[in-house]
C-alpha atoms as a PDB file:
ATOM      1  CA  UNK A   1      -9.297   2.458  -8.623  1.00  0.00           C
ATOM      2  CA  UNK A   2      -5.706   1.968  -7.541  1.00  0.00           C
ATOM      3  CA  UNK A   3      -4.719   0.856  -4.049  1.00  0.00           C
ATOM      4  CA  UNK A   4      -1.479   0.128  -2.286  1.00  0.00           C
ATOM      5  CA  UNK A   5      -1.100  -3.580  -1.427  1.00  0.00           C
ATOM      6  CA  UNK A   6      -2.200  -4.714   2.002  1.00  0.00           C
ATOM      7  CA  UNK A   7      -5.149  -5.988   3.949  1.00  0.00           C
ATOM      8  CA  UNK A   8      -6.627  -6.749   7.325  1.00  0.00           C
ATOM      9  CA  UNK A   9      -4.414  -7.248  10.357  1.00  0.00           C
ATOM     10  CA  UNK A  10      -4.944 -10.668  11.917  1.00  0.00           C
ATOM     11  CA  UNK A  11      -5.025 -11.413  15.638  1.00  0.00           C
ATOM     12  CA  UNK A  12      -1.604 -10.982  17.331  1.00  0.00           C
ATOM     13  CA  UNK A  13      -0.111  -9.503  14.148  1.00  0.00           C
ATOM     14  CA  UNK A  14       1.633  -6.131  13.909  1.00  0.00           C
ATOM     15  CA  UNK A  15       0.840  -3.831  10.970  1.00  0.00           C
ATOM     16  CA  UNK A  16       4.291  -4.601   9.544  1.00  0.00           C
ATOM     17  CA  UNK A  17       3.748  -8.373   9.858  1.00  0.00           C
ATOM     18  CA  UNK A  18       0.346  -8.013   8.207  1.00  0.00           C
ATOM     19  CA  UNK A  19       1.884  -6.148   5.282  1.00  0.00           C
ATOM     20  CA  UNK A  20       4.563  -8.834   4.855  1.00  0.00           C
ATOM     21  CA  UNK A  21       1.896 -11.542   4.865  1.00  0.00           C
ATOM     22  CA  UNK A  22      -0.373  -9.667   2.460  1.00  0.00           C
ATOM     23  CA  UNK A  23       2.510  -9.013   0.033  1.00  0.00           C
ATOM     24  CA  UNK A  24       3.269 -12.729   0.015  1.00  0.00           C
ATOM     25  CA  UNK A  25      -0.387 -13.735  -0.390  1.00  0.00           C
ATOM     26  CA  UNK A  26      -1.415 -11.094  -2.940  1.00  0.00           C
ATOM     27  CA  UNK A  27       1.767 -10.594  -4.951  1.00  0.00           C
ATOM     28  CA  UNK A  28       4.054 -13.531  -4.133  1.00  0.00           C
ATOM     29  CA  UNK A  29       6.864 -11.183  -3.138  1.00  0.00           C
ATOM     30  CA  UNK A  30       8.560  -9.948  -0.007  1.00  0.00           C
ATOM     31  CA  UNK A  31       9.792  -6.538   1.049  1.00  0.00           C
ATOM     32  CA  UNK A  32      11.762  -4.857   3.766  1.00  0.00           C
ATOM     33  CA  UNK A  33       9.245  -2.723   5.629  1.00  0.00           C
ATOM     34  CA  UNK A  34      10.612   0.774   6.158  1.00  0.00           C
ATOM     35  CA  UNK A  35       9.423   4.043   7.628  1.00  0.00           C
ATOM     36  CA  UNK A  36       5.774   4.688   8.458  1.00  0.00           C
ATOM     37  CA  UNK A  37       4.220   7.143   5.982  1.00  0.00           C
ATOM     38  CA  UNK A  38       0.859   7.752   7.654  1.00  0.00           C
ATOM     39  CA  UNK A  39      -2.283   6.226   9.092  1.00  0.00           C
ATOM     40  CA  UNK A  40      -5.616   7.442   7.774  1.00  0.00           C
ATOM     41  CA  UNK A  41      -9.250   6.646   8.389  1.00  0.00           C
ATOM     42  CA  UNK A  42     -11.857   6.726   5.618  1.00  0.00           C
ATOM     43  CA  UNK A  43     -15.552   5.891   5.753  1.00  0.00           C
ATOM     44  CA  UNK A  44     -16.806   3.945   2.741  1.00  0.00           C
ATOM     45  CA  UNK A  45     -20.415   2.787   2.229  1.00  0.00           C
ATOM     46  CA  UNK A  46     -19.475  -0.645   3.632  1.00  0.00           C
ATOM     47  CA  UNK A  47     -17.641   0.611   6.715  1.00  0.00           C
ATOM     48  CA  UNK A  48     -14.606   2.442   8.030  1.00  0.00           C
ATOM     49  CA  UNK A  49     -11.139   1.600   6.734  1.00  0.00           C
ATOM     50  CA  UNK A  50      -8.071   2.445   8.799  1.00  0.00           C
ATOM     51  CA  UNK A  51      -5.093   2.373   6.449  1.00  0.00           C
ATOM     52  CA  UNK A  52      -1.484   2.376   7.654  1.00  0.00           C
ATOM     53  CA  UNK A  53       1.089   2.900   4.893  1.00  0.00           C
ATOM     54  CA  UNK A  54       4.840   2.224   4.918  1.00  0.00           C
ATOM     55  CA  UNK A  55       7.768   2.737   2.606  1.00  0.00           C
ATOM     56  CA  UNK A  56       9.089  -0.649   1.473  1.00  0.00           C
ATOM     57  CA  UNK A  57      12.010  -2.038  -0.489  1.00  0.00           C
ATOM     58  CA  UNK A  58      11.406  -5.071  -2.655  1.00  0.00           C
ATOM     59  CA  UNK A  59      13.455  -8.143  -1.692  1.00  0.00           C
ATOM     60  CA  UNK A  60      13.946 -10.943  -4.185  1.00  0.00           C
ATOM     61  CA  UNK A  61      11.470 -11.710  -6.929  1.00  0.00           C
ATOM     62  CA  UNK A  62       9.300  -9.178  -8.728  1.00  0.00           C
ATOM     63  CA  UNK A  63       5.630  -9.093  -7.676  1.00  0.00           C
ATOM     64  CA  UNK A  64       3.277 -11.438  -9.536  1.00  0.00           C
ATOM     65  CA  UNK A  65      -0.396 -10.911 -10.238  1.00  0.00           C
ATOM     66  CA  UNK A  66      -2.463 -13.451  -8.316  1.00  0.00           C
ATOM     67  CA  UNK A  67      -5.810 -11.799  -7.581  1.00  0.00           C
ATOM     68  CA  UNK A  68      -5.655  -8.348  -9.154  1.00  0.00           C
ATOM     69  CA  UNK A  69      -6.199  -7.266 -12.741  1.00  0.00           C
ATOM     70  CA  UNK A  70      -3.098  -5.061 -13.018  1.00  0.00           C
ATOM     71  CA  UNK A  71       0.091  -4.107 -11.243  1.00  0.00           C
ATOM     72  CA  UNK A  72       2.172  -1.060 -12.065  1.00  0.00           C
ATOM     73  CA  UNK A  73       5.410   0.632 -10.987  1.00  0.00           C
ATOM     74  CA  UNK A  74       4.961   4.404 -11.134  1.00  0.00           C
ATOM     75  CA  UNK A  75       7.407   7.271 -10.709  1.00  0.00           C
ATOM     76  CA  UNK A  76       6.632   9.436  -7.674  1.00  0.00           C
ATOM     77  CA  UNK A  77       5.932  12.432  -9.931  1.00  0.00           C
ATOM     78  CA  UNK A  78       3.246  10.387 -11.724  1.00  0.00           C
ATOM     79  CA  UNK A  79       1.403   9.083  -8.647  1.00  0.00           C
ATOM     80  CA  UNK A  80      -1.235  11.799  -8.798  1.00  0.00           C
ATOM     81  CA  UNK A  81      -2.132  10.776 -12.361  1.00  0.00           C
ATOM     82  CA  UNK A  82      -3.761   7.537 -11.185  1.00  0.00           C
ATOM     83  CA  UNK A  83      -7.333   7.173  -9.958  1.00  0.00           C
ATOM     84  CA  UNK A  84      -6.662   6.250  -6.308  1.00  0.00           C
ATOM     85  CA  UNK A  85      -9.116   4.769  -3.836  1.00  0.00           C
ATOM     86  CA  UNK A  86     -10.084   7.535  -1.385  1.00  0.00           C
ATOM     87  CA  UNK A  87      -8.399   5.881   1.619  1.00  0.00           C
ATOM     88  CA  UNK A  88      -5.059   5.814  -0.244  1.00  0.00           C
ATOM     89  CA  UNK A  89      -5.029   9.473  -1.335  1.00  0.00           C
ATOM     90  CA  UNK A  90      -3.496  10.890   1.882  1.00  0.00           C
ATOM     91  CA  UNK A  91      -0.568   8.445   1.564  1.00  0.00           C
ATOM     92  CA  UNK A  92      -0.057   9.410  -2.087  1.00  0.00           C
ATOM     93  CA  UNK A  93      -0.029  13.090  -1.118  1.00  0.00           C
ATOM     94  CA  UNK A  94       2.442  12.438   1.723  1.00  0.00           C
ATOM     95  CA  UNK A  95       4.818  10.496  -0.535  1.00  0.00           C
ATOM     96  CA  UNK A  96       4.745  13.329  -3.051  1.00  0.00           C
ATOM     97  CA  UNK A  97       5.505  15.836  -0.253  1.00  0.00           C
ATOM     98  CA  UNK A  98       8.302  13.643   1.097  1.00  0.00           C
ATOM     99  CA  UNK A  99       9.918  13.577  -2.344  1.00  0.00           C
ATOM    100  CA  UNK A 100       9.109  17.263  -2.931  1.00  0.00           C
ATOM    101  CA  UNK A 101       7.134  16.595  -6.110  1.00  0.00           C
END
């Protein structure tokens, strides 16, 4: 399944700082963190995930695969064609509404 990049927030870290760190660790890239899209809560078999999603603008180098099997840039109109992890679906739907797709 597809997921937006990110991960756990560490002690004394804001959600935006956590996203910056995770982008660097997972994709070796940096981004300007923009507007908050939404925060959702989803219960998986292993526990509850609280996912906060932001719009971002890539700064500098293109993302690099470090620990994932694939990375993909997708047009907003094509977002709903991917098999998203359940916790990410509300953010996908909100982005599509924001861009009136």
